[in-house]
Amino acid sequence: MAKISLQITTFLLVLSILEPNFSGATPHRFLASCEPYDTLKSDKTLKCDAPDVCCKAGGVYDLYNCSPPLMTSTPAIMTENNFADPADTGGPANCTNSYPGVNEKVVALSTGWFNNQKLCKRQIKITALKTGKSTTAMVIDECASDAGCDKEHSNQQPCRNNIVDASPSVWEALALDPDTGEENITWSLL
């Protein structure tokens, strides 16, 4: 009886971590198990190659040094990054000190998941919730959740704490359109 009770308690705990509207219209809100440690206020609007994530005058952005806990299949939000274009990345990838080829399947992880380069060059499996398709990609960079709105970060806002920033070839392999901006995914270490 105690074993069944423990299993039910564990199941309820996992459910409490996920927002019931996981597949709904607010994909960026479903993970809240790590809180911001500070905020960053932008004093001016900064131009960047991705206007929807450029820092805006008076914008206040949460800063994180953590990410939600890793699970067997970790829920996340996938965004798009052209790692081959220096203007989109702010510099070469942290793990390789280079720019990958345009057809390479690579990702950057939010600061907490990147964990001070501990996941550098690790392969991960990504599954798109919309299409059900999966692919693998190599972790090559950090999507900074603890900094932004400066030249080093291409004048972009800090990453949220639950981001897998993926190259266009990852989006293509998952049969997703990068113009949507964000997609719900799960990912796991291989």
N, C-alpha and C. Protein backbone atom coordinates (compact mmCIF):
# COMPACT_ATOMS: atom_id res chain seq x y z
N MET A 1 0.82 -1.19 0.00
CA MET A 1 0.00 0.00 0.00
C MET A 1 0.87 1.26 0.00
N ALA A 2 1.93 1.25 0.80
CA ALA A 2 2.82 2.42 0.87
C ALA A 2 3.48 2.68 -0.48
N LYS A 3 3.81 1.62 -1.23
CA LYS A 3 4.45 1.76 -2.53
C LYS A 3 3.51 2.46 -3.52
N ILE A 4 2.23 2.08 -3.51
CA ILE A 4 1.26 2.71 -4.39
C ILE A 4 1.08 4.17 -4.01
N SER A 5 1.03 4.46 -2.73
CA SER A 5 0.89 5.84 -2.25
C SER A 5 2.07 6.70 -2.70
N LEU A 6 3.28 6.15 -2.62
CA LEU A 6 4.48 6.87 -3.06
C LEU A 6 4.42 7.14 -4.56
N GLN A 7 3.97 6.16 -5.35
CA GLN A 7 3.86 6.34 -6.79
C GLN A 7 2.85 7.43 -7.13
N ILE A 8 1.72 7.45 -6.43
CA ILE A 8 0.70 8.47 -6.68
C ILE A 8 1.23 9.84 -6.30
N THR A 9 1.93 9.94 -5.17
CA THR A 9 2.51 11.21 -4.73
C THR A 9 3.53 11.71 -5.75
N THR A 10 4.38 10.82 -6.25
CA THR A 10 5.37 11.19 -7.26
C THR A 10 4.68 11.69 -8.53
N PHE A 11 3.66 10.99 -8.97
CA PHE A 11 2.91 11.37 -10.17
C PHE A 11 2.30 12.76 -9.98
N LEU A 12 1.67 13.02 -8.84
CA LEU A 12 1.06 14.32 -8.59
C LEU A 12 2.10 15.43 -8.52
N LEU A 13 3.27 15.14 -7.98
CA LEU A 13 4.35 16.12 -7.93
C LEU A 13 4.79 16.50 -9.34
N VAL A 14 4.97 15.52 -10.21
CA VAL A 14 5.36 15.79 -11.60
C VAL A 14 4.29 16.61 -12.29
N LEU A 15 3.02 16.27 -12.08
CA LEU A 15 1.93 17.04 -12.69
C LEU A 15 1.90 18.47 -12.20
N SER A 16 2.23 18.68 -10.94
CA SER A 16 2.21 20.04 -10.40
C SER A 16 3.28 20.93 -11.00
N ILE A 17 4.34 20.34 -11.53
CA ILE A 17 5.42 21.11 -12.15
C ILE A 17 4.97 21.66 -13.50
N LEU A 18 4.19 20.87 -14.22
CA LEU A 18 3.75 21.28 -15.55
C LEU A 18 2.44 22.05 -15.46
N GLU A 19 2.35 23.16 -16.15
CA GLU A 19 1.11 23.91 -16.21
C GLU A 19 0.12 23.11 -17.04
N PRO A 20 -1.15 23.06 -16.67
CA PRO A 20 -2.13 22.29 -17.42
C PRO A 20 -2.25 22.73 -18.87
N ASN A 21 -1.89 23.96 -19.18
CA ASN A 21 -2.03 24.47 -20.54
C ASN A 21 -0.75 24.30 -21.34
N PHE A 22 -0.03 23.20 -21.15
CA PHE A 22 1.27 22.98 -21.78
C PHE A 22 1.21 23.14 -23.29
N SER A 23 0.17 22.62 -23.94
CA SER A 23 0.11 22.70 -25.40
C SER A 23 -0.73 23.88 -25.86
N GLY A 24 -1.07 24.79 -24.97
CA GLY A 24 -1.94 25.91 -25.30
C GLY A 24 -1.20 27.09 -25.88
N ALA A 25 -1.84 28.23 -25.81
CA ALA A 25 -1.35 29.43 -26.49
C ALA A 25 -0.27 30.17 -25.72
N THR A 26 0.07 29.74 -24.53
CA THR A 26 1.10 30.45 -23.76
C THR A 26 2.28 29.54 -23.48
N PRO A 27 3.02 29.15 -24.52
CA PRO A 27 4.07 28.15 -24.36
C PRO A 27 5.20 28.58 -23.43
N HIS A 28 5.47 29.88 -23.30
CA HIS A 28 6.59 30.33 -22.48
C HIS A 28 6.27 30.30 -20.99
N ARG A 29 5.05 29.97 -20.59
CA ARG A 29 4.70 30.02 -19.18
C ARG A 29 4.66 28.66 -18.51
N PHE A 30 4.87 27.56 -19.23
CA PHE A 30 4.61 26.27 -18.63
C PHE A 30 5.70 25.77 -17.68
N LEU A 31 6.83 26.39 -17.65
CA LEU A 31 7.87 25.96 -16.72
C LEU A 31 8.22 27.10 -15.77
N ALA A 32 7.97 26.90 -14.50
CA ALA A 32 8.24 27.97 -13.55
C ALA A 32 8.92 27.43 -12.30
N SER A 33 9.71 26.39 -12.44
CA SER A 33 10.32 25.77 -11.26
C SER A 33 11.64 26.43 -10.87
N CYS A 34 12.02 27.50 -11.52
CA CYS A 34 13.23 28.23 -11.15
C CYS A 34 12.89 29.71 -11.28
N GLU A 35 13.23 30.47 -10.28
CA GLU A 35 12.84 31.88 -10.22
C GLU A 35 14.00 32.78 -10.65
N PRO A 36 13.67 33.97 -11.20
CA PRO A 36 14.72 34.92 -11.56
C PRO A 36 15.46 35.40 -10.31
N TYR A 37 16.75 35.67 -10.46
CA TYR A 37 17.53 36.17 -9.34
C TYR A 37 17.66 37.69 -9.37
N ASP A 38 17.33 38.30 -10.52
CA ASP A 38 17.44 39.75 -10.67
C ASP A 38 16.72 40.15 -11.95
N THR A 39 16.71 41.44 -12.24
CA THR A 39 16.18 41.94 -13.50
C THR A 39 17.20 42.86 -14.16
N LEU A 40 17.05 43.03 -15.45
CA LEU A 40 17.90 43.90 -16.24
C LEU A 40 16.99 44.91 -16.91
N LYS A 41 17.29 46.19 -16.76
CA LYS A 41 16.49 47.23 -17.41
C LYS A 41 17.30 47.85 -18.54
N SER A 42 16.70 47.88 -19.72
CA SER A 42 17.34 48.48 -20.88
C SER A 42 17.00 49.96 -20.92
N ASP A 43 18.03 50.79 -21.03
CA ASP A 43 17.78 52.23 -21.03
C ASP A 43 17.51 52.79 -22.43
N LYS A 44 17.72 51.97 -23.47
CA LYS A 44 17.44 52.42 -24.83
C LYS A 44 17.07 51.23 -25.70
N THR A 45 16.43 51.54 -26.83
CA THR A 45 16.10 50.49 -27.79
C THR A 45 17.35 50.16 -28.57
N LEU A 46 17.68 48.89 -28.64
CA LEU A 46 18.88 48.44 -29.33
C LEU A 46 18.51 47.67 -30.58
N LYS A 47 19.17 47.99 -31.67
CA LYS A 47 18.91 47.33 -32.94
C LYS A 47 19.62 45.97 -32.98
N CYS A 48 18.91 44.96 -33.46
CA CYS A 48 19.52 43.64 -33.65
C CYS A 48 18.84 42.94 -34.82
N ASP A 49 19.37 41.80 -35.23
CA ASP A 49 18.85 41.09 -36.39
C ASP A 49 17.51 40.40 -36.15
N ALA A 50 17.10 40.25 -34.91
CA ALA A 50 15.83 39.60 -34.59
C ALA A 50 14.95 40.60 -33.85
N PRO A 51 14.23 41.47 -34.58
CA PRO A 51 13.50 42.57 -33.95
C PRO A 51 12.58 42.16 -32.79
N ASP A 52 12.02 40.98 -32.84
CA ASP A 52 11.10 40.56 -31.78
C ASP A 52 11.82 40.29 -30.46
N VAL A 53 13.15 40.15 -30.48
CA VAL A 53 13.90 39.92 -29.24
C VAL A 53 14.94 41.00 -28.97
N CYS A 54 14.91 42.10 -29.73
CA CYS A 54 15.80 43.22 -29.46
C CYS A 54 15.40 43.89 -28.15
N CYS A 55 16.35 44.38 -27.41
CA CYS A 55 16.06 45.08 -26.17
C CYS A 55 15.37 46.40 -26.49
N LYS A 56 14.34 46.72 -25.72
CA LYS A 56 13.54 47.92 -25.93
C LYS A 56 13.79 48.91 -24.79
N ALA A 57 13.71 50.19 -25.11
CA ALA A 57 13.87 51.23 -24.09
C ALA A 57 12.85 51.03 -22.98
N GLY A 58 13.32 51.01 -21.75
CA GLY A 58 12.45 50.81 -20.61
C GLY A 58 12.06 49.36 -20.37
N GLY A 59 12.53 48.45 -21.24
CA GLY A 59 12.22 47.03 -21.07
C GLY A 59 12.90 46.47 -19.83
N VAL A 60 12.18 45.67 -19.09
CA VAL A 60 12.72 45.02 -17.90
C VAL A 60 12.69 43.52 -18.15
N TYR A 61 13.85 42.88 -18.03
CA TYR A 61 14.00 41.47 -18.38
C TYR A 61 14.51 40.67 -17.19
N ASP A 62 13.86 39.53 -16.96
CA ASP A 62 14.28 38.65 -15.86
C ASP A 62 15.63 38.01 -16.17
N LEU A 63 16.44 37.85 -15.13
CA LEU A 63 17.73 37.18 -15.24
C LEU A 63 17.68 35.89 -14.43
N TYR A 64 18.16 34.80 -15.03
CA TYR A 64 18.16 33.48 -14.39
C TYR A 64 19.56 32.89 -14.41
N ASN A 65 19.92 32.18 -13.35
CA ASN A 65 21.14 31.37 -13.37
C ASN A 65 20.78 29.91 -13.20
N CYS A 66 19.49 29.60 -13.37
CA CYS A 66 18.99 28.23 -13.24
C CYS A 66 18.02 27.94 -14.38
N SER A 67 17.73 26.67 -14.57
CA SER A 67 16.72 26.22 -15.51
C SER A 67 15.88 25.17 -14.80
N PRO A 68 14.70 24.86 -15.34
CA PRO A 68 13.90 23.79 -14.74
C PRO A 68 14.70 22.49 -14.68
N PRO A 69 14.38 21.61 -13.74
CA PRO A 69 15.14 20.37 -13.60
C PRO A 69 15.05 19.49 -14.84
N LEU A 70 16.15 18.79 -15.12
CA LEU A 70 16.17 17.85 -16.24
C LEU A 70 15.35 16.62 -15.86
N MET A 71 14.59 16.15 -16.83
CA MET A 71 13.80 14.94 -16.65
C MET A 71 14.15 13.98 -17.79
N THR A 72 13.55 12.82 -17.80
CA THR A 72 13.78 11.88 -18.90
C THR A 72 13.44 12.52 -20.23
N SER A 73 12.39 13.32 -20.23
CA SER A 73 11.97 14.06 -21.40
C SER A 73 11.60 15.47 -20.91
N THR A 74 12.53 16.39 -21.03
CA THR A 74 12.39 17.72 -20.42
C THR A 74 11.60 18.67 -21.33
N PRO A 75 10.47 19.22 -20.86
CA PRO A 75 9.73 20.21 -21.65
C PRO A 75 10.55 21.49 -21.81
N ALA A 76 10.46 22.09 -22.99
CA ALA A 76 11.19 23.32 -23.27
C ALA A 76 10.51 24.07 -24.40
N ILE A 77 11.02 25.26 -24.67
CA ILE A 77 10.60 26.07 -25.81
C ILE A 77 11.78 26.13 -26.78
N MET A 78 11.51 25.82 -28.03
CA MET A 78 12.56 25.90 -29.04
C MET A 78 12.41 27.22 -29.79
N THR A 79 13.55 27.93 -29.91
CA THR A 79 13.64 29.14 -30.71
C THR A 79 14.65 28.88 -31.83
N GLU A 80 14.76 29.82 -32.75
CA GLU A 80 15.65 29.61 -33.91
C GLU A 80 16.85 30.53 -33.84
N ASN A 81 18.02 30.00 -34.20
CA ASN A 81 19.25 30.77 -34.21
C ASN A 81 20.09 30.32 -35.40
N ASN A 82 20.52 31.26 -36.22
CA ASN A 82 21.42 30.96 -37.32
C ASN A 82 22.85 31.08 -36.81
N PHE A 83 23.36 30.01 -36.24
CA PHE A 83 24.68 30.02 -35.62
C PHE A 83 25.80 30.34 -36.60
N ALA A 84 25.55 30.16 -37.91
CA ALA A 84 26.58 30.42 -38.91
C ALA A 84 26.74 31.92 -39.18
N ASP A 85 25.80 32.75 -38.68
CA ASP A 85 25.82 34.19 -38.92
C ASP A 85 26.28 34.93 -37.67
N PRO A 86 27.48 35.51 -37.68
CA PRO A 86 27.99 36.23 -36.50
C PRO A 86 27.04 37.31 -35.98
N ALA A 87 26.25 37.93 -36.86
CA ALA A 87 25.33 38.98 -36.42
C ALA A 87 24.20 38.41 -35.57
N ASP A 88 23.87 37.14 -35.74
CA ASP A 88 22.78 36.50 -35.01
C ASP A 88 23.24 35.94 -33.67
N THR A 89 24.54 35.70 -33.53
CA THR A 89 25.03 35.01 -32.33
C THR A 89 25.87 35.87 -31.41
N GLY A 90 26.45 36.92 -31.92
CA GLY A 90 27.30 37.76 -31.09
C GLY A 90 28.73 37.26 -30.99
N GLY A 91 29.02 36.12 -31.56
CA GLY A 91 30.38 35.57 -31.52
C GLY A 91 30.36 34.08 -31.76
N PRO A 92 31.53 33.49 -31.84
CA PRO A 92 31.60 32.04 -32.08
C PRO A 92 31.00 31.25 -30.92
N ALA A 93 30.63 30.02 -31.19
CA ALA A 93 30.02 29.15 -30.18
C ALA A 93 30.98 28.92 -29.02
N ASN A 94 30.45 28.93 -27.79
CA ASN A 94 31.28 28.74 -26.58
C ASN A 94 32.03 27.41 -26.58
N CYS A 95 31.41 26.36 -27.08
CA CYS A 95 32.01 25.02 -26.99
C CYS A 95 33.06 24.75 -28.05
N THR A 96 32.96 25.43 -29.19
CA THR A 96 33.85 25.12 -30.30
C THR A 96 34.73 26.30 -30.71
N ASN A 97 34.41 27.50 -30.21
CA ASN A 97 35.09 28.72 -30.59
C ASN A 97 35.10 28.91 -32.11
N SER A 98 34.00 28.49 -32.74
CA SER A 98 33.87 28.62 -34.19
C SER A 98 32.39 28.78 -34.54
N TYR A 99 32.13 29.06 -35.80
CA TYR A 99 30.77 29.14 -36.31
C TYR A 99 30.48 27.84 -37.06
N PRO A 100 29.40 27.15 -36.73
CA PRO A 100 29.10 25.89 -37.43
C PRO A 100 28.63 26.15 -38.85
N GLY A 101 28.66 25.12 -39.67
CA GLY A 101 28.14 25.21 -41.03
C GLY A 101 26.64 25.41 -41.01
N VAL A 102 26.10 25.95 -42.08
CA VAL A 102 24.68 26.27 -42.14
C VAL A 102 23.79 25.04 -42.05
N ASN A 103 24.29 23.87 -42.39
CA ASN A 103 23.47 22.66 -42.38
C ASN A 103 23.65 21.81 -41.12
N GLU A 104 24.46 22.27 -40.18
CA GLU A 104 24.69 21.48 -38.96
C GLU A 104 23.51 21.60 -38.01
N LYS A 105 23.17 20.47 -37.39
CA LYS A 105 22.10 20.46 -36.38
C LYS A 105 22.75 20.71 -35.02
N VAL A 106 22.63 21.97 -34.55
CA VAL A 106 23.26 22.40 -33.31
C VAL A 106 22.27 23.22 -32.49
N VAL A 107 22.55 23.32 -31.18
CA VAL A 107 21.67 24.08 -30.29
C VAL A 107 22.49 24.83 -29.25
N ALA A 108 21.84 25.85 -28.68
CA ALA A 108 22.31 26.53 -27.48
C ALA A 108 21.25 26.28 -26.41
N LEU A 109 21.69 26.05 -25.19
CA LEU A 109 20.77 25.81 -24.08
C LEU A 109 20.79 26.99 -23.12
N SER A 110 19.66 27.24 -22.47
CA SER A 110 19.59 28.27 -21.43
C SER A 110 20.69 28.05 -20.40
N THR A 111 21.10 29.11 -19.75
CA THR A 111 22.23 29.12 -18.83
C THR A 111 22.23 27.96 -17.83
N GLY A 112 21.13 27.72 -17.17
CA GLY A 112 21.08 26.65 -16.16
C GLY A 112 21.34 25.28 -16.74
N TRP A 113 20.74 24.99 -17.89
CA TRP A 113 20.96 23.70 -18.54
C TRP A 113 22.37 23.59 -19.11
N PHE A 114 22.88 24.69 -19.65
CA PHE A 114 24.25 24.69 -20.21
C PHE A 114 25.27 24.39 -19.12
N ASN A 115 24.98 24.87 -17.91
CA ASN A 115 25.71 24.49 -16.71
C ASN A 115 27.23 24.65 -16.84
N ASN A 116 27.65 25.89 -17.13
CA ASN A 116 29.09 26.19 -17.23
C ASN A 116 29.83 25.26 -18.19
N GLN A 117 29.26 25.03 -19.33
CA GLN A 117 29.84 24.23 -20.42
C GLN A 117 29.85 22.72 -20.14
N LYS A 118 29.18 22.25 -19.11
CA LYS A 118 29.20 20.81 -18.81
C LYS A 118 28.51 19.98 -19.88
N LEU A 119 27.63 20.60 -20.69
CA LEU A 119 26.95 19.86 -21.75
C LEU A 119 27.56 20.12 -23.13
N CYS A 120 28.71 20.80 -23.16
CA CYS A 120 29.37 21.07 -24.44
C CYS A 120 29.59 19.79 -25.24
N LYS A 121 29.22 19.88 -26.50
CA LYS A 121 29.41 18.83 -27.50
C LYS A 121 28.62 17.56 -27.20
N ARG A 122 27.67 17.63 -26.27
CA ARG A 122 26.79 16.49 -26.00
C ARG A 122 25.69 16.46 -27.04
N GLN A 123 25.30 15.27 -27.42
CA GLN A 123 24.16 15.08 -28.32
C GLN A 123 22.88 15.05 -27.50
N ILE A 124 21.85 15.72 -28.00
CA ILE A 124 20.55 15.65 -27.36
C ILE A 124 19.52 15.22 -28.39
N LYS A 125 18.45 14.65 -27.90
CA LYS A 125 17.31 14.28 -28.75
C LYS A 125 16.21 15.30 -28.50
N ILE A 126 15.67 15.85 -29.60
CA ILE A 126 14.62 16.85 -29.52
C ILE A 126 13.38 16.28 -30.20
N THR A 127 12.23 16.42 -29.55
CA THR A 127 10.96 15.97 -30.12
C THR A 127 10.00 17.15 -30.16
N ALA A 128 9.43 17.40 -31.33
CA ALA A 128 8.46 18.48 -31.50
C ALA A 128 7.08 17.98 -31.11
N LEU A 129 6.40 18.71 -30.24
CA LEU A 129 5.07 18.29 -29.82
C LEU A 129 4.06 18.44 -30.94
N LYS A 130 4.24 19.46 -31.80
CA LYS A 130 3.29 19.71 -32.88
C LYS A 130 3.32 18.60 -33.93
N THR A 131 4.51 18.15 -34.32
CA THR A 131 4.61 17.17 -35.41
C THR A 131 4.89 15.75 -34.93
N GLY A 132 5.37 15.60 -33.71
CA GLY A 132 5.73 14.28 -33.20
C GLY A 132 7.07 13.78 -33.72
N LYS A 133 7.72 14.57 -34.56
CA LYS A 133 9.01 14.17 -35.11
C LYS A 133 10.14 14.43 -34.13
N SER A 134 11.21 13.62 -34.25
CA SER A 134 12.39 13.77 -33.39
C SER A 134 13.64 13.88 -34.25
N THR A 135 14.66 14.51 -33.67
CA THR A 135 15.97 14.59 -34.30
C THR A 135 17.01 14.73 -33.21
N THR A 136 18.27 14.63 -33.59
CA THR A 136 19.35 14.85 -32.64
C THR A 136 20.10 16.12 -33.04
N ALA A 137 20.76 16.72 -32.05
CA ALA A 137 21.55 17.92 -32.29
C ALA A 137 22.66 17.97 -31.25
N MET A 138 23.73 18.70 -31.57
CA MET A 138 24.84 18.85 -30.65
C MET A 138 24.76 20.19 -29.93
N VAL A 139 25.00 20.17 -28.62
CA VAL A 139 25.05 21.40 -27.82
C VAL A 139 26.38 22.08 -28.09
N ILE A 140 26.31 23.33 -28.59
CA ILE A 140 27.56 24.05 -28.89
C ILE A 140 27.64 25.41 -28.21
N ASP A 141 26.55 25.85 -27.57
CA ASP A 141 26.57 27.21 -27.06
C ASP A 141 25.56 27.39 -25.92
N GLU A 142 25.67 28.54 -25.28
CA GLU A 142 24.77 28.94 -24.21
C GLU A 142 23.82 30.01 -24.73
N CYS A 143 22.56 29.89 -24.39
CA CYS A 143 21.58 30.94 -24.62
C CYS A 143 21.51 31.68 -23.29
N ALA A 144 22.21 32.79 -23.18
CA ALA A 144 22.43 33.47 -21.89
C ALA A 144 21.12 33.93 -21.25
N SER A 145 20.82 33.35 -20.11
CA SER A 145 19.65 33.74 -19.31
C SER A 145 20.04 34.75 -18.24
N ASP A 146 21.33 34.96 -18.09
CA ASP A 146 21.83 35.82 -17.01
C ASP A 146 22.46 37.12 -17.52
N ALA A 147 22.28 37.43 -18.82
CA ALA A 147 22.85 38.64 -19.40
C ALA A 147 22.15 38.94 -20.71
N GLY A 148 22.31 40.17 -21.21
CA GLY A 148 21.72 40.54 -22.49
C GLY A 148 21.76 42.05 -22.66
N CYS A 149 21.12 42.52 -23.73
CA CYS A 149 21.02 43.95 -24.04
C CYS A 149 22.38 44.61 -24.19
N ASP A 150 23.34 43.87 -24.75
CA ASP A 150 24.67 44.42 -24.99
C ASP A 150 25.24 43.81 -26.27
N LYS A 151 26.36 44.37 -26.71
CA LYS A 151 26.98 43.92 -27.97
C LYS A 151 27.34 42.44 -27.92
N GLU A 152 27.86 41.97 -26.79
CA GLU A 152 28.26 40.56 -26.66
C GLU A 152 27.09 39.61 -26.92
N HIS A 153 25.87 40.06 -26.64
CA HIS A 153 24.67 39.23 -26.82
C HIS A 153 23.82 39.75 -27.98
N SER A 154 24.47 40.37 -28.95
CA SER A 154 23.82 40.87 -30.17
C SER A 154 22.64 41.79 -29.89
N ASN A 155 22.69 42.52 -28.77
CA ASN A 155 21.64 43.45 -28.37
C ASN A 155 20.29 42.77 -28.13
N GLN A 156 20.32 41.46 -27.90
CA GLN A 156 19.09 40.71 -27.65
C GLN A 156 18.79 40.63 -26.16
N GLN A 157 17.50 40.42 -25.86
CA GLN A 157 17.06 40.23 -24.49
C GLN A 157 17.70 38.96 -23.92
N PRO A 158 17.80 38.86 -22.60
CA PRO A 158 18.27 37.60 -22.00
C PRO A 158 17.32 36.46 -22.38
N CYS A 159 17.87 35.28 -22.55
CA CYS A 159 17.06 34.09 -22.83
C CYS A 159 16.19 33.79 -21.61
N ARG A 160 15.04 33.22 -21.84
CA ARG A 160 14.29 32.67 -20.72
C ARG A 160 15.02 31.43 -20.23
N ASN A 161 14.59 30.89 -19.14
CA ASN A 161 15.34 29.79 -18.51
C ASN A 161 14.99 28.41 -19.07
N ASN A 162 14.13 28.33 -20.07
CA ASN A 162 13.67 27.04 -20.59
C ASN A 162 13.79 26.96 -22.12
N ILE A 163 14.88 27.49 -22.64
CA ILE A 163 15.05 27.63 -24.09
C ILE A 163 16.07 26.63 -24.65
N VAL A 164 15.69 26.01 -25.77
CA VAL A 164 16.61 25.28 -26.63
C VAL A 164 16.63 26.08 -27.93
N ASP A 165 17.70 26.80 -28.16
CA ASP A 165 17.86 27.68 -29.33
C ASP A 165 18.49 26.84 -30.43
N ALA A 166 17.74 26.56 -31.48
CA ALA A 166 18.14 25.56 -32.47
C ALA A 166 18.42 26.15 -33.85
N SER A 167 19.36 25.52 -34.54
CA SER A 167 19.72 25.93 -35.90
C SER A 167 18.56 25.61 -36.86
N PRO A 168 18.52 26.30 -38.02
CA PRO A 168 17.46 26.06 -38.99
C PRO A 168 17.35 24.58 -39.42
N SER A 169 18.47 23.87 -39.46
CA SER A 169 18.40 22.46 -39.87
C SER A 169 17.68 21.60 -38.84
N VAL A 170 17.71 21.99 -37.56
CA VAL A 170 16.93 21.27 -36.55
C VAL A 170 15.45 21.50 -36.80
N TRP A 171 15.07 22.76 -37.04
CA TRP A 171 13.67 23.07 -37.35
C TRP A 171 13.19 22.27 -38.55
N GLU A 172 14.03 22.21 -39.58
CA GLU A 172 13.67 21.49 -40.79
C GLU A 172 13.47 19.99 -40.50
N ALA A 173 14.39 19.40 -39.74
CA ALA A 173 14.29 17.97 -39.41
C ALA A 173 13.03 17.65 -38.61
N LEU A 174 12.52 18.64 -37.87
CA LEU A 174 11.30 18.44 -37.07
C LEU A 174 10.04 18.84 -37.83
N ALA A 175 10.20 19.21 -39.10
CA ALA A 175 9.09 19.64 -39.96
C ALA A 175 8.34 20.83 -39.35
N LEU A 176 9.12 21.80 -38.86
CA LEU A 176 8.56 23.00 -38.25
C LEU A 176 9.01 24.24 -39.01
N ASP A 177 8.21 25.28 -38.97
CA ASP A 177 8.52 26.54 -39.63
C ASP A 177 9.16 27.50 -38.63
N PRO A 178 10.43 27.87 -38.81
CA PRO A 178 11.09 28.77 -37.86
C PRO A 178 10.43 30.14 -37.78
N ASP A 179 9.65 30.52 -38.77
CA ASP A 179 8.97 31.82 -38.74
C ASP A 179 7.91 31.89 -37.65
N THR A 180 7.51 30.75 -37.09
CA THR A 180 6.55 30.77 -35.98
C THR A 180 7.20 31.35 -34.72
N GLY A 181 8.53 31.33 -34.66
CA GLY A 181 9.25 31.94 -33.55
C GLY A 181 9.54 31.01 -32.40
N GLU A 182 8.53 30.26 -31.97
CA GLU A 182 8.69 29.35 -30.83
C GLU A 182 7.85 28.10 -31.05
N GLU A 183 8.34 26.99 -30.54
CA GLU A 183 7.58 25.73 -30.58
C GLU A 183 7.80 24.98 -29.28
N ASN A 184 6.78 24.29 -28.82
CA ASN A 184 6.90 23.42 -27.65
C ASN A 184 7.62 22.14 -28.06
N ILE A 185 8.62 21.77 -27.28
CA ILE A 185 9.38 20.55 -27.55
C ILE A 185 9.66 19.83 -26.22
N THR A 186 10.21 18.65 -26.34
CA THR A 186 10.87 18.00 -25.21
C THR A 186 12.27 17.65 -25.68
N TRP A 187 13.19 17.52 -24.73
CA TRP A 187 14.55 17.14 -25.10
C TRP A 187 15.13 16.24 -24.01
N SER A 188 16.13 15.46 -24.42
CA SER A 188 16.80 14.58 -23.46
C SER A 188 18.24 14.38 -23.91
N LEU A 189 19.10 14.09 -22.93
CA LEU A 189 20.50 13.81 -23.23
C LEU A 189 20.62 12.41 -23.83
N LEU A 190 21.54 12.26 -24.75
CA LEU A 190 21.82 10.93 -25.32
C LEU A 190 23.10 10.40 -24.72
